[in-house]
Amino acid sequence: MQALDASARAQQLPAGALYVVATPIGNVADISLRALHILDIADAIAAEDTRNSQQLLVRLGLDRRRDWIACHQHNEREAAQRVLDRLAAGQRVAYVSDAGTPGISDPGAKLVAAARAAGHRVIPLPGPSAVATALSAAGFETTAFHFAGFLPTSREARLKAIRAVAALDASLVFYEAPHRIGDSLGALAEALGGERRIVVARELTKLHEQFFAGTLAEARDWLAADANHSRGEFVLVVEAAAPDAGDHADLDRVLKPLLAALPVSRAAKVACEITGLHRKTVYARALELRGGDEEDGGTDD
């Protein structure tokens, strides 16, 4: 441990640079040695919430007096200028958000862009990230993921946002708050279908960390089964769309004549046999073409 600490202290930490520092998302032991060192020697610390960050540094034993700069979404431009003045004076400035990696669904992007535009070095210190943490425990075999952050608050806007990424060949990652988790799970099931798989990660790295893995339909039942399931902060990881879910041209040429003569379920079954596509993909597209009415039209002669 002493050798690792010495290694962290021996690294080149140039003055006049902005250090983007990842901090724990729950478990304080997840702080890195590099982060500890730069937070100890920084001339100033810019923080999304200075009170929260001050409490973190006290827990880490870094409670010496220092200069603090509040830098949040409501004052990011003004705060950036204060940081730039310090960088121009040759100071080291560390930037932290409330938890995790700054600039990922947290303030920080404007500050980083301003520092780089002014010709100052921006040095990221990697560490905790709720996105990476949830993906690592999701178990979905995909080489790509799409981070969508928080969904919109209104129902229609929420559904529109989900449908815009529904056919991506990538895991979908969302953040959610406890008072909206039910609405978001419902919207995901409505837009993507109840059989699509999801991993719900609750209170990552904290005392009451919990994972649920199942279908979107099952996730809604899980949420309703225990009031405690709605507490805390959430990361939702939804499996990638089934193969060819986004390309309907060839499928439509098969489905349309079948739907003219058969019920949706029968038409989808025949289309699966012809195209070899996944049943969920074919059935969902058949419902779209029929306008969502499974019983309308056709006979099963």
C-alpha atoms as a PDB file:
ATOM      1  CA  MET A   1       0.000   0.000   0.000  1.00  0.00           C
ATOM      2  CA  GLN A   2       2.842   2.386   0.821  1.00  0.00           C
ATOM      3  CA  ALA A   3       4.444   1.626  -2.545  1.00  0.00           C
ATOM      4  CA  LEU A   4       1.181   2.422  -4.336  1.00  0.00           C
ATOM      5  CA  ASP A   5       0.810   5.673  -2.405  1.00  0.00           C
ATOM      6  CA  ALA A   6       4.394   6.641  -3.258  1.00  0.00           C
ATOM      7  CA  SER A   7       3.688   5.852  -6.918  1.00  0.00           C
ATOM      8  CA  ALA A   8       0.652   8.159  -6.902  1.00  0.00           C
ATOM      9  CA  ARG A   9       2.657  10.977  -5.351  1.00  0.00           C
ATOM     10  CA  ALA A  10       5.513  10.538  -7.821  1.00  0.00           C
ATOM     11  CA  GLN A  11       3.343  11.144 -10.869  1.00  0.00           C
ATOM     12  CA  GLN A  12       3.616  14.276 -12.922  1.00  0.00           C
ATOM     13  CA  LEU A  13       0.859  16.688 -11.847  1.00  0.00           C
ATOM     14  CA  PRO A  14       1.456  19.895 -13.817  1.00  0.00           C
ATOM     15  CA  ALA A  15       0.357  23.251 -12.513  1.00  0.00           C
ATOM     16  CA  GLY A  16      -2.129  25.358 -14.446  1.00  0.00           C
ATOM     17  CA  ALA A  17      -4.225  22.274 -15.223  1.00  0.00           C
ATOM     18  CA  LEU A  18      -7.826  21.280 -14.597  1.00  0.00           C
ATOM     19  CA  TYR A  19      -8.135  17.849 -12.962  1.00  0.00           C
ATOM     20  CA  VAL A  20     -11.489  16.104 -13.554  1.00  0.00           C
ATOM     21  CA  VAL A  21     -11.792  13.816 -10.551  1.00  0.00           C
ATOM     22  CA  ALA A  22     -14.179  10.867 -10.239  1.00  0.00           C
ATOM     23  CA  THR A  23     -15.502  10.391  -6.691  1.00  0.00           C
ATOM     24  CA  PRO A  24     -17.397   7.458  -5.111  1.00  0.00           C
ATOM     25  CA  ILE A  25     -21.026   6.854  -6.093  1.00  0.00           C
ATOM     26  CA  GLY A  26     -21.712   5.319  -2.707  1.00  0.00           C
ATOM     27  CA  ASN A  27     -18.886   3.397  -1.087  1.00  0.00           C
ATOM     28  CA  VAL A  28     -16.208   5.872  -0.022  1.00  0.00           C
ATOM     29  CA  ALA A  29     -13.555   3.141  -0.274  1.00  0.00           C
ATOM     30  CA  ASP A  30     -13.853   3.320  -4.074  1.00  0.00           C
ATOM     31  CA  ILE A  31     -11.824   6.556  -4.202  1.00  0.00           C
ATOM     32  CA  SER A  32      -8.565   6.103  -6.133  1.00  0.00           C
ATOM     33  CA  LEU A  33      -5.076   6.892  -4.848  1.00  0.00           C
ATOM     34  CA  ARG A  34      -4.576   9.422  -7.648  1.00  0.00           C
ATOM     35  CA  ALA A  35      -7.820  11.153  -6.687  1.00  0.00           C
ATOM     36  CA  LEU A  36      -6.771  11.297  -3.032  1.00  0.00           C
ATOM     37  CA  HIS A  37      -3.445  12.823  -3.979  1.00  0.00           C
ATOM     38  CA  ILE A  38      -4.759  15.524  -6.313  1.00  0.00           C
ATOM     39  CA  LEU A  39      -7.568  16.452  -3.908  1.00  0.00           C
ATOM     40  CA  ASP A  40      -4.887  16.840  -1.230  1.00  0.00           C
ATOM     41  CA  ILE A  41      -2.560  19.117  -3.202  1.00  0.00           C
ATOM     42  CA  ALA A  42      -5.062  21.074  -5.350  1.00  0.00           C
ATOM     43  CA  ASP A  43      -4.966  24.850  -4.886  1.00  0.00           C
ATOM     44  CA  ALA A  44      -8.729  24.977  -5.332  1.00  0.00           C
ATOM     45  CA  ILE A  45     -11.602  22.552  -5.736  1.00  0.00           C
ATOM     46  CA  ALA A  46     -14.575  23.301  -7.978  1.00  0.00           C
ATOM     47  CA  ALA A  47     -17.594  21.281  -6.918  1.00  0.00           C
ATOM     48  CA  GLU A  48     -21.200  20.740  -7.963  1.00  0.00           C
ATOM     49  CA  ASP A  49     -22.191  21.020  -4.290  1.00  0.00           C
ATOM     50  CA  THR A  50     -19.420  22.352  -2.062  1.00  0.00           C
ATOM     51  CA  ARG A  51     -21.131  21.151   1.140  1.00  0.00           C
ATOM     52  CA  ASN A  52     -21.342  17.536  -0.057  1.00  0.00           C
ATOM     53  CA  SER A  53     -17.777  17.607  -1.325  1.00  0.00           C
ATOM     54  CA  GLN A  54     -16.460  19.148   1.881  1.00  0.00           C
ATOM     55  CA  GLN A  55     -18.102  16.334   3.855  1.00  0.00           C
ATOM     56  CA  LEU A  56     -16.495  13.763   1.533  1.00  0.00           C
ATOM     57  CA  LEU A  57     -13.039  15.242   2.056  1.00  0.00           C
ATOM     58  CA  VAL A  58     -13.542  15.197   5.814  1.00  0.00           C
ATOM     59  CA  ARG A  59     -14.358  11.480   5.609  1.00  0.00           C
ATOM     60  CA  LEU A  60     -11.211  10.983   3.529  1.00  0.00           C
ATOM     61  CA  GLY A  61      -9.051  12.846   6.044  1.00  0.00           C
ATOM     62  CA  LEU A  62      -8.423  15.751   3.647  1.00  0.00           C
ATOM     63  CA  ASP A  63     -10.062  18.452   5.750  1.00  0.00           C
ATOM     64  CA  ARG A  64      -7.394  21.179   5.568  1.00  0.00           C
ATOM     65  CA  ARG A  65      -8.510  24.695   4.674  1.00  0.00           C
ATOM     66  CA  ARG A  66      -8.653  25.311   0.921  1.00  0.00           C
ATOM     67  CA  ASP A  67     -10.426  27.448  -1.678  1.00  0.00           C
ATOM     68  CA  TRP A  68     -13.761  26.170  -2.969  1.00  0.00           C
ATOM     69  CA  ILE A  69     -15.610  27.192  -6.133  1.00  0.00           C
ATOM     70  CA  ALA A  70     -19.283  26.281  -6.531  1.00  0.00           C
ATOM     71  CA  CYS A  71     -19.777  25.030 -10.087  1.00  0.00           C
ATOM     72  CA  HIS A  72     -23.224  23.657 -10.888  1.00  0.00           C
ATOM     73  CA  GLN A  73     -25.705  23.705 -13.773  1.00  0.00           C
ATOM     74  CA  HIS A  74     -27.086  27.134 -12.800  1.00  0.00           C
ATOM     75  CA  ASN A  75     -23.752  28.997 -12.674  1.00  0.00           C
ATOM     76  CA  GLU A  76     -21.468  26.895 -14.854  1.00  0.00           C
ATOM     77  CA  ARG A  77     -20.406  29.719 -17.179  1.00  0.00           C
ATOM     78  CA  GLU A  78     -19.626  32.178 -14.361  1.00  0.00           C
ATOM     79  CA  ALA A  79     -17.824  29.525 -12.333  1.00  0.00           C
ATOM     80  CA  ALA A  80     -15.794  28.521 -15.376  1.00  0.00           C
ATOM     81  CA  GLN A  81     -14.336  32.033 -15.578  1.00  0.00           C
ATOM     82  CA  ARG A  82     -13.262  31.863 -11.935  1.00  0.00           C
ATOM     83  CA  VAL A  83     -11.551  28.548 -12.634  1.00  0.00           C
ATOM     84  CA  LEU A  84      -9.870  29.921 -15.778  1.00  0.00           C
ATOM     85  CA  ASP A  85      -8.426  32.829 -13.788  1.00  0.00           C
ATOM     86  CA  ARG A  86      -6.845  30.397 -11.347  1.00  0.00           C
ATOM     87  CA  LEU A  87      -5.497  28.188 -14.133  1.00  0.00           C
ATOM     88  CA  ALA A  88      -3.964  31.242 -15.812  1.00  0.00           C
ATOM     89  CA  ALA A  89      -2.229  31.993 -12.501  1.00  0.00           C
ATOM     90  CA  GLY A  90      -0.639  28.541 -12.575  1.00  0.00           C
ATOM     91  CA  GLN A  91      -2.844  26.865 -10.007  1.00  0.00           C
ATOM     92  CA  ARG A  92      -4.065  23.280  -9.965  1.00  0.00           C
ATOM     93  CA  VAL A  93      -7.852  23.087  -9.863  1.00  0.00           C
ATOM     94  CA  ALA A  94      -9.713  19.845  -9.195  1.00  0.00           C
ATOM     95  CA  TYR A  95     -13.326  19.499 -10.295  1.00  0.00           C
ATOM     96  CA  VAL A  96     -15.736  17.026  -8.665  1.00  0.00           C
ATOM     97  CA  SER A  97     -19.453  16.402  -9.058  1.00  0.00           C
ATOM     98  CA  ASP A  98     -21.674  15.098  -6.260  1.00  0.00           C
ATOM     99  CA  ALA A  99     -20.755  11.501  -7.076  1.00  0.00           C
ATOM    100  CA  GLY A 100     -19.202   9.573  -9.943  1.00  0.00           C
ATOM    101  CA  THR A 101     -17.469  11.031 -12.979  1.00  0.00           C
ATOM    102  CA  PRO A 102     -18.121  14.722 -13.791  1.00  0.00           C
ATOM    103  CA  GLY A 103     -19.629  15.527 -17.165  1.00  0.00           C
ATOM    104  CA  ILE A 104     -21.610  12.271 -17.400  1.00  0.00           C
ATOM    105  CA  SER A 105     -25.184  13.296 -16.618  1.00  0.00           C
ATOM    106  CA  ASP A 106     -23.598  15.822 -14.242  1.00  0.00           C
ATOM    107  CA  PRO A 107     -22.254  19.365 -14.723  1.00  0.00           C
ATOM    108  CA  GLY A 108     -18.698  19.719 -15.974  1.00  0.00           C
ATOM    109  CA  ALA A 109     -18.834  19.712 -19.765  1.00  0.00           C
ATOM    110  CA  LYS A 110     -18.886  23.510 -20.078  1.00  0.00           C
ATOM    111  CA  LEU A 111     -16.015  23.861 -17.614  1.00  0.00           C
ATOM    112  CA  VAL A 112     -13.889  21.299 -19.462  1.00  0.00           C
ATOM    113  CA  ALA A 113     -14.631  22.918 -22.835  1.00  0.00           C
ATOM    114  CA  ALA A 114     -13.767  26.381 -21.499  1.00  0.00           C
ATOM    115  CA  ALA A 115     -10.480  25.207 -19.993  1.00  0.00           C
ATOM    116  CA  ARG A 116      -9.417  23.484 -23.191  1.00  0.00           C
ATOM    117  CA  ALA A 117     -10.451  26.461 -25.344  1.00  0.00           C
ATOM    118  CA  ALA A 118      -8.288  28.708 -23.166  1.00  0.00           C
ATOM    119  CA  GLY A 119      -5.301  26.452 -23.814  1.00  0.00           C
ATOM    120  CA  HIS A 120      -5.109  24.749 -20.419  1.00  0.00           C
ATOM    121  CA  ARG A 121      -4.519  21.043 -19.910  1.00  0.00           C
ATOM    122  CA  VAL A 122      -7.475  18.921 -18.850  1.00  0.00           C
ATOM    123  CA  ILE A 123      -6.405  15.802 -16.971  1.00  0.00           C
ATOM    124  CA  PRO A 124      -9.087  13.186 -16.180  1.00  0.00           C
ATOM    125  CA  LEU A 125      -8.706  10.916 -13.164  1.00  0.00           C
ATOM    126  CA  PRO A 126     -10.822   7.821 -13.917  1.00  0.00           C
ATOM    127  CA  GLY A 127     -12.859   6.138 -11.259  1.00  0.00           C
ATOM    128  CA  PRO A 128     -16.433   5.347 -10.213  1.00  0.00           C
ATOM    129  CA  SER A 129     -19.190   5.620 -12.806  1.00  0.00           C
ATOM    130  CA  ALA A 130     -22.742   4.366 -12.322  1.00  0.00           C
ATOM    131  CA  VAL A 131     -22.980   3.581 -16.058  1.00  0.00           C
ATOM    132  CA  ALA A 132     -19.927   1.331 -16.136  1.00  0.00           C
ATOM    133  CA  THR A 133     -20.767  -0.244 -12.782  1.00  0.00           C
ATOM    134  CA  ALA A 134     -24.285  -1.240 -13.873  1.00  0.00           C
ATOM    135  CA  LEU A 135     -23.130  -2.514 -17.272  1.00  0.00           C
ATOM    136  CA  SER A 136     -20.456  -4.687 -15.697  1.00  0.00           C
ATOM    137  CA  ALA A 137     -23.095  -6.510 -13.642  1.00  0.00           C
ATOM    138  CA  ALA A 138     -25.858  -6.626 -16.276  1.00  0.00           C
ATOM    139  CA  GLY A 139     -24.607  -9.687 -18.145  1.00  0.00           C
ATOM    140  CA  PHE A 140     -25.823  -8.599 -21.592  1.00  0.00           C
ATOM    141  CA  GLU A 141     -23.514  -9.766 -24.368  1.00  0.00           C
ATOM    142  CA  THR A 142     -23.171  -6.660 -26.471  1.00  0.00           C
ATOM    143  CA  THR A 143     -20.167  -4.676 -27.599  1.00  0.00           C
ATOM    144  CA  ALA A 144     -22.078  -1.389 -27.630  1.00  0.00           C
ATOM    145  CA  PHE A 145     -24.251   0.597 -25.265  1.00  0.00           C
ATOM    146  CA  HIS A 146     -26.258   3.805 -25.539  1.00  0.00           C
ATOM    147  CA  PHE A 147     -26.370   6.049 -22.478  1.00  0.00           C
ATOM    148  CA  ALA A 148     -29.628   8.020 -22.465  1.00  0.00           C
ATOM    149  CA  GLY A 149     -29.411   9.566 -18.985  1.00  0.00           C
ATOM    150  CA  PHE A 150     -32.707  10.575 -17.395  1.00  0.00           C
ATOM    151  CA  LEU A 151     -35.884  10.184 -19.435  1.00  0.00           C
ATOM    152  CA  PRO A 152     -38.208  13.185 -19.941  1.00  0.00           C
ATOM    153  CA  THR A 153     -40.852  13.841 -17.309  1.00  0.00           C
ATOM    154  CA  SER A 154     -43.987  13.899 -19.477  1.00  0.00           C
ATOM    155  CA  ARG A 155     -45.480  10.615 -20.660  1.00  0.00           C
ATOM    156  CA  GLU A 156     -45.498  11.411 -24.379  1.00  0.00           C
ATOM    157  CA  ALA A 157     -41.984  12.821 -24.388  1.00  0.00           C
ATOM    158  CA  ARG A 158     -40.791   9.790 -22.427  1.00  0.00           C
ATOM    159  CA  LEU A 159     -42.312   7.339 -24.913  1.00  0.00           C
ATOM    160  CA  LYS A 160     -40.906   9.317 -27.841  1.00  0.00           C
ATOM    161  CA  ALA A 161     -37.406   9.232 -26.352  1.00  0.00           C
ATOM    162  CA  ILE A 162     -37.562   5.475 -25.780  1.00  0.00           C
ATOM    163  CA  ARG A 163     -38.924   4.727 -29.251  1.00  0.00           C
ATOM    164  CA  ALA A 164     -36.113   6.773 -30.780  1.00  0.00           C
ATOM    165  CA  VAL A 165     -33.557   4.275 -29.455  1.00  0.00           C
ATOM    166  CA  ALA A 166     -35.734   1.142 -29.400  1.00  0.00           C
ATOM    167  CA  ALA A 167     -34.150  -0.511 -32.445  1.00  0.00           C
ATOM    168  CA  LEU A 168     -30.499   0.164 -31.567  1.00  0.00           C
ATOM    169  CA  ASP A 169     -28.191  -2.838 -31.579  1.00  0.00           C
ATOM    170  CA  ALA A 170     -26.856  -1.740 -28.194  1.00  0.00           C
ATOM    171  CA  SER A 171     -27.741  -2.037 -24.539  1.00  0.00           C
ATOM    172  CA  LEU A 172     -29.762   0.974 -23.394  1.00  0.00           C
ATOM    173  CA  VAL A 173     -28.752   2.644 -20.131  1.00  0.00           C
ATOM    174  CA  PHE A 174     -30.995   5.058 -18.226  1.00  0.00           C
ATOM    175  CA  TYR A 175     -30.783   6.831 -14.875  1.00  0.00           C
ATOM    176  CA  GLU A 176     -33.913   7.195 -12.776  1.00  0.00           C
ATOM    177  CA  ALA A 177     -35.082   8.714  -9.503  1.00  0.00           C
ATOM    178  CA  PRO A 178     -37.293   6.915  -6.951  1.00  0.00           C
ATOM    179  CA  HIS A 179     -40.395   9.024  -7.558  1.00  0.00           C
ATOM    180  CA  ARG A 180     -40.329   8.260 -11.305  1.00  0.00           C
ATOM    181  CA  ILE A 181     -39.109   4.681 -11.453  1.00  0.00           C
ATOM    182  CA  GLY A 182     -42.630   3.233 -11.821  1.00  0.00           C
ATOM    183  CA  ASP A 183     -43.550   5.553 -14.681  1.00  0.00           C
ATOM    184  CA  SER A 184     -40.292   4.840 -16.480  1.00  0.00           C
ATOM    185  CA  LEU A 185     -40.577   1.061 -16.208  1.00  0.00           C
ATOM    186  CA  GLY A 186     -44.136   1.323 -17.493  1.00  0.00           C
ATOM    187  CA  ALA A 187     -43.068   3.461 -20.441  1.00  0.00           C
ATOM    188  CA  LEU A 188     -40.213   1.089 -21.297  1.00  0.00           C
ATOM    189  CA  ALA A 189     -42.603  -1.875 -21.294  1.00  0.00           C
ATOM    190  CA  GLU A 190     -45.115   0.019 -23.432  1.00  0.00           C
ATOM    191  CA  ALA A 191     -42.546   1.200 -25.985  1.00  0.00           C
ATOM    192  CA  LEU A 192     -40.306  -1.878 -26.134  1.00  0.00           C
ATOM    193  CA  GLY A 193     -42.645  -4.726 -25.222  1.00  0.00           C
ATOM    194  CA  GLY A 194     -42.935  -6.536 -21.912  1.00  0.00           C
ATOM    195  CA  GLU A 195     -40.677  -9.415 -23.009  1.00  0.00           C
ATOM    196  CA  ARG A 196     -37.556  -7.301 -23.485  1.00  0.00           C
ATOM    197  CA  ARG A 197     -35.030  -8.017 -20.737  1.00  0.00           C
ATOM    198  CA  ILE A 198     -33.841  -5.469 -18.194  1.00  0.00           C
ATOM    199  CA  VAL A 199     -31.475  -5.258 -15.257  1.00  0.00           C
ATOM    200  CA  VAL A 200     -32.507  -2.781 -12.569  1.00  0.00           C
ATOM    201  CA  ALA A 201     -29.551  -1.669 -10.427  1.00  0.00           C
ATOM    202  CA  ARG A 202     -30.616   0.056  -7.215  1.00  0.00           C
ATOM    203  CA  GLU A 203     -28.350   1.932  -4.791  1.00  0.00           C
ATOM    204  CA  LEU A 204     -25.115   0.850  -6.488  1.00  0.00           C
ATOM    205  CA  THR A 205     -22.154   0.305  -4.102  1.00  0.00           C
ATOM    206  CA  LYS A 206     -24.270   1.383  -1.114  1.00  0.00           C
ATOM    207  CA  LEU A 207     -25.468  -0.607   1.898  1.00  0.00           C
ATOM    208  CA  HIS A 208     -28.771  -1.603   0.276  1.00  0.00           C
ATOM    209  CA  GLU A 209     -27.426  -2.324  -3.220  1.00  0.00           C
ATOM    210  CA  GLN A 210     -29.839  -4.541  -5.134  1.00  0.00           C
ATOM    211  CA  PHE A 211     -30.179  -5.976  -8.640  1.00  0.00           C
ATOM    212  CA  PHE A 212     -33.261  -7.257 -10.419  1.00  0.00           C
ATOM    213  CA  ALA A 213     -32.899  -9.177 -13.696  1.00  0.00           C
ATOM    214  CA  GLY A 214     -35.871 -10.237 -15.800  1.00  0.00           C
ATOM    215  CA  THR A 215     -38.314  -8.962 -18.402  1.00  0.00           C
ATOM    216  CA  LEU A 216     -39.811  -5.486 -18.383  1.00  0.00           C
ATOM    217  CA  ALA A 217     -43.170  -6.987 -17.449  1.00  0.00           C
ATOM    218  CA  GLU A 218     -41.575  -8.804 -14.524  1.00  0.00           C
ATOM    219  CA  ALA A 219     -39.731  -5.654 -13.455  1.00  0.00           C
ATOM    220  CA  ARG A 220     -43.021  -3.825 -12.906  1.00  0.00           C
ATOM    221  CA  ASP A 221     -44.263  -6.701 -10.745  1.00  0.00           C
ATOM    222  CA  TRP A 222     -40.994  -6.691  -8.780  1.00  0.00           C
ATOM    223  CA  LEU A 223     -41.302  -2.962  -8.146  1.00  0.00           C
ATOM    224  CA  ALA A 224     -44.878  -3.301  -6.880  1.00  0.00           C
ATOM    225  CA  ALA A 225     -44.045  -6.253  -4.618  1.00  0.00           C
ATOM    226  CA  ASP A 226     -42.117  -4.222  -2.005  1.00  0.00           C
ATOM    227  CA  ALA A 227     -42.176  -0.505  -1.210  1.00  0.00           C
ATOM    228  CA  ASN A 228     -38.427  -0.647  -0.534  1.00  0.00           C
ATOM    229  CA  HIS A 229     -37.836  -1.479  -4.195  1.00  0.00           C
ATOM    230  CA  SER A 230     -38.787   2.107  -5.087  1.00  0.00           C
ATOM    231  CA  ARG A 231     -36.216   3.685  -2.787  1.00  0.00           C
ATOM    232  CA  GLY A 232     -32.816   5.015  -3.757  1.00  0.00           C
ATOM    233  CA  GLU A 233     -31.182   5.811  -7.075  1.00  0.00           C
ATOM    234  CA  PHE A 234     -31.525   3.583 -10.123  1.00  0.00           C
ATOM    235  CA  VAL A 235     -29.607   2.601 -13.233  1.00  0.00           C
ATOM    236  CA  LEU A 236     -31.674   0.691 -15.795  1.00  0.00           C
ATOM    237  CA  VAL A 237     -29.909  -1.482 -18.383  1.00  0.00           C
ATOM    238  CA  VAL A 238     -32.162  -2.791 -21.175  1.00  0.00           C
ATOM    239  CA  GLU A 239     -31.002  -5.458 -23.596  1.00  0.00           C
ATOM    240  CA  ALA A 240     -30.255  -4.544 -27.199  1.00  0.00           C
ATOM    241  CA  ALA A 241     -32.962  -4.845 -29.830  1.00  0.00           C
ATOM    242  CA  ALA A 242     -33.362  -8.209 -31.511  1.00  0.00           C
ATOM    243  CA  PRO A 243     -31.388  -8.577 -34.776  1.00  0.00           C
ATOM    244  CA  ASP A 244     -32.861  -6.695 -37.747  1.00  0.00           C
ATOM    245  CA  ALA A 245     -35.357  -4.877 -35.516  1.00  0.00           C
ATOM    246  CA  GLY A 246     -34.586  -1.602 -37.237  1.00  0.00           C
ATOM    247  CA  ASP A 247     -34.880  -2.733 -40.876  1.00  0.00           C
ATOM    248  CA  HIS A 248     -38.498  -3.427 -41.802  1.00  0.00           C
ATOM    249  CA  ALA A 249     -38.455  -3.144 -45.594  1.00  0.00           C
ATOM    250  CA  ASP A 250     -37.908  -6.827 -46.399  1.00  0.00           C
ATOM    251  CA  LEU A 251     -40.076  -7.960 -43.500  1.00  0.00           C
ATOM    252  CA  ASP A 252     -42.942  -5.725 -44.595  1.00  0.00           C
ATOM    253  CA  ARG A 253     -42.951  -7.277 -48.063  1.00  0.00           C
ATOM    254  CA  VAL A 254     -43.597 -10.640 -46.409  1.00  0.00           C
ATOM    255  CA  LEU A 255     -45.948  -9.483 -43.657  1.00  0.00           C
ATOM    256  CA  LYS A 256     -48.351  -7.230 -45.555  1.00  0.00           C
ATOM    257  CA  PRO A 257     -49.895  -9.900 -47.813  1.00  0.00           C
ATOM    258  CA  LEU A 258     -50.014 -12.329 -44.889  1.00  0.00           C
ATOM    259  CA  LEU A 259     -51.827  -9.795 -42.693  1.00  0.00           C
ATOM    260  CA  ALA A 260     -54.388  -9.267 -45.440  1.00  0.00           C
ATOM    261  CA  ALA A 261     -55.464 -12.895 -45.078  1.00  0.00           C
ATOM    262  CA  LEU A 262     -54.473 -14.015 -41.561  1.00  0.00           C
ATOM    263  CA  PRO A 263     -54.707 -12.894 -37.930  1.00  0.00           C
ATOM    264  CA  VAL A 264     -51.609 -11.189 -36.520  1.00  0.00           C
ATOM    265  CA  SER A 265     -50.362 -14.199 -34.557  1.00  0.00           C
ATOM    266  CA  ARG A 266     -50.685 -16.571 -37.517  1.00  0.00           C
ATOM    267  CA  ALA A 267     -49.185 -14.059 -39.965  1.00  0.00           C
ATOM    268  CA  ALA A 268     -46.233 -13.488 -37.641  1.00  0.00           C
ATOM    269  CA  LYS A 269     -45.628 -17.210 -37.273  1.00  0.00           C
ATOM    270  CA  VAL A 270     -45.571 -17.754 -41.028  1.00  0.00           C
ATOM    271  CA  ALA A 271     -43.361 -14.706 -41.543  1.00  0.00           C
ATOM    272  CA  CYS A 272     -40.891 -16.080 -38.982  1.00  0.00           C
ATOM    273  CA  GLU A 273     -40.690 -19.334 -40.905  1.00  0.00           C
ATOM    274  CA  ILE A 274     -40.072 -17.465 -44.158  1.00  0.00           C
ATOM    275  CA  THR A 275     -37.589 -14.856 -42.933  1.00  0.00           C
ATOM    276  CA  GLY A 276     -35.912 -16.624 -40.026  1.00  0.00           C
ATOM    277  CA  LEU A 277     -36.216 -13.442 -37.932  1.00  0.00           C
ATOM    278  CA  HIS A 278     -36.766 -13.392 -34.172  1.00  0.00           C
ATOM    279  CA  ARG A 279     -40.444 -13.902 -33.224  1.00  0.00           C
ATOM    280  CA  LYS A 280     -40.520 -10.788 -31.012  1.00  0.00           C
ATOM    281  CA  THR A 281     -39.310  -8.625 -33.868  1.00  0.00           C
ATOM    282  CA  VAL A 282     -41.808 -10.033 -36.368  1.00  0.00           C
ATOM    283  CA  TYR A 283     -44.782  -9.982 -33.995  1.00  0.00           C
ATOM    284  CA  ALA A 284     -44.076  -6.392 -32.896  1.00  0.00           C
ATOM    285  CA  ARG A 285     -43.852  -5.255 -36.522  1.00  0.00           C
ATOM    286  CA  ALA A 286     -47.062  -7.112 -37.386  1.00  0.00           C
ATOM    287  CA  LEU A 287     -48.861  -5.265 -34.597  1.00  0.00           C
ATOM    288  CA  GLU A 288     -47.506  -1.951 -35.878  1.00  0.00           C
ATOM    289  CA  LEU A 289     -48.765  -2.661 -39.396  1.00  0.00           C
ATOM    290  CA  ARG A 290     -52.150  -3.741 -38.054  1.00  0.00           C
ATOM    291  CA  GLY A 291     -52.355  -0.636 -35.883  1.00  0.00           C
ATOM    292  CA  GLY A 292     -51.996  -2.537 -32.617  1.00  0.00           C
ATOM    293  CA  ASP A 293     -55.213  -4.560 -33.038  1.00  0.00           C
ATOM    294  CA  GLU A 294     -54.414  -8.260 -32.849  1.00  0.00           C
ATOM    295  CA  GLU A 295     -57.955  -9.427 -33.565  1.00  0.00           C
ATOM    296  CA  ASP A 296     -58.772  -7.150 -36.485  1.00  0.00           C
ATOM    297  CA  GLY A 297     -59.129  -8.781 -39.885  1.00  0.00           C
ATOM    298  CA  GLY A 298     -58.132 -12.093 -41.436  1.00  0.00           C
ATOM    299  CA  THR A 299     -59.101 -15.651 -40.743  1.00  0.00           C
ATOM    300  CA  ASP A 300     -57.075 -18.680 -39.800  1.00  0.00           C
ATOM    301  CA  ASP A 301     -58.331 -20.915 -42.564  1.00  0.00           C
END
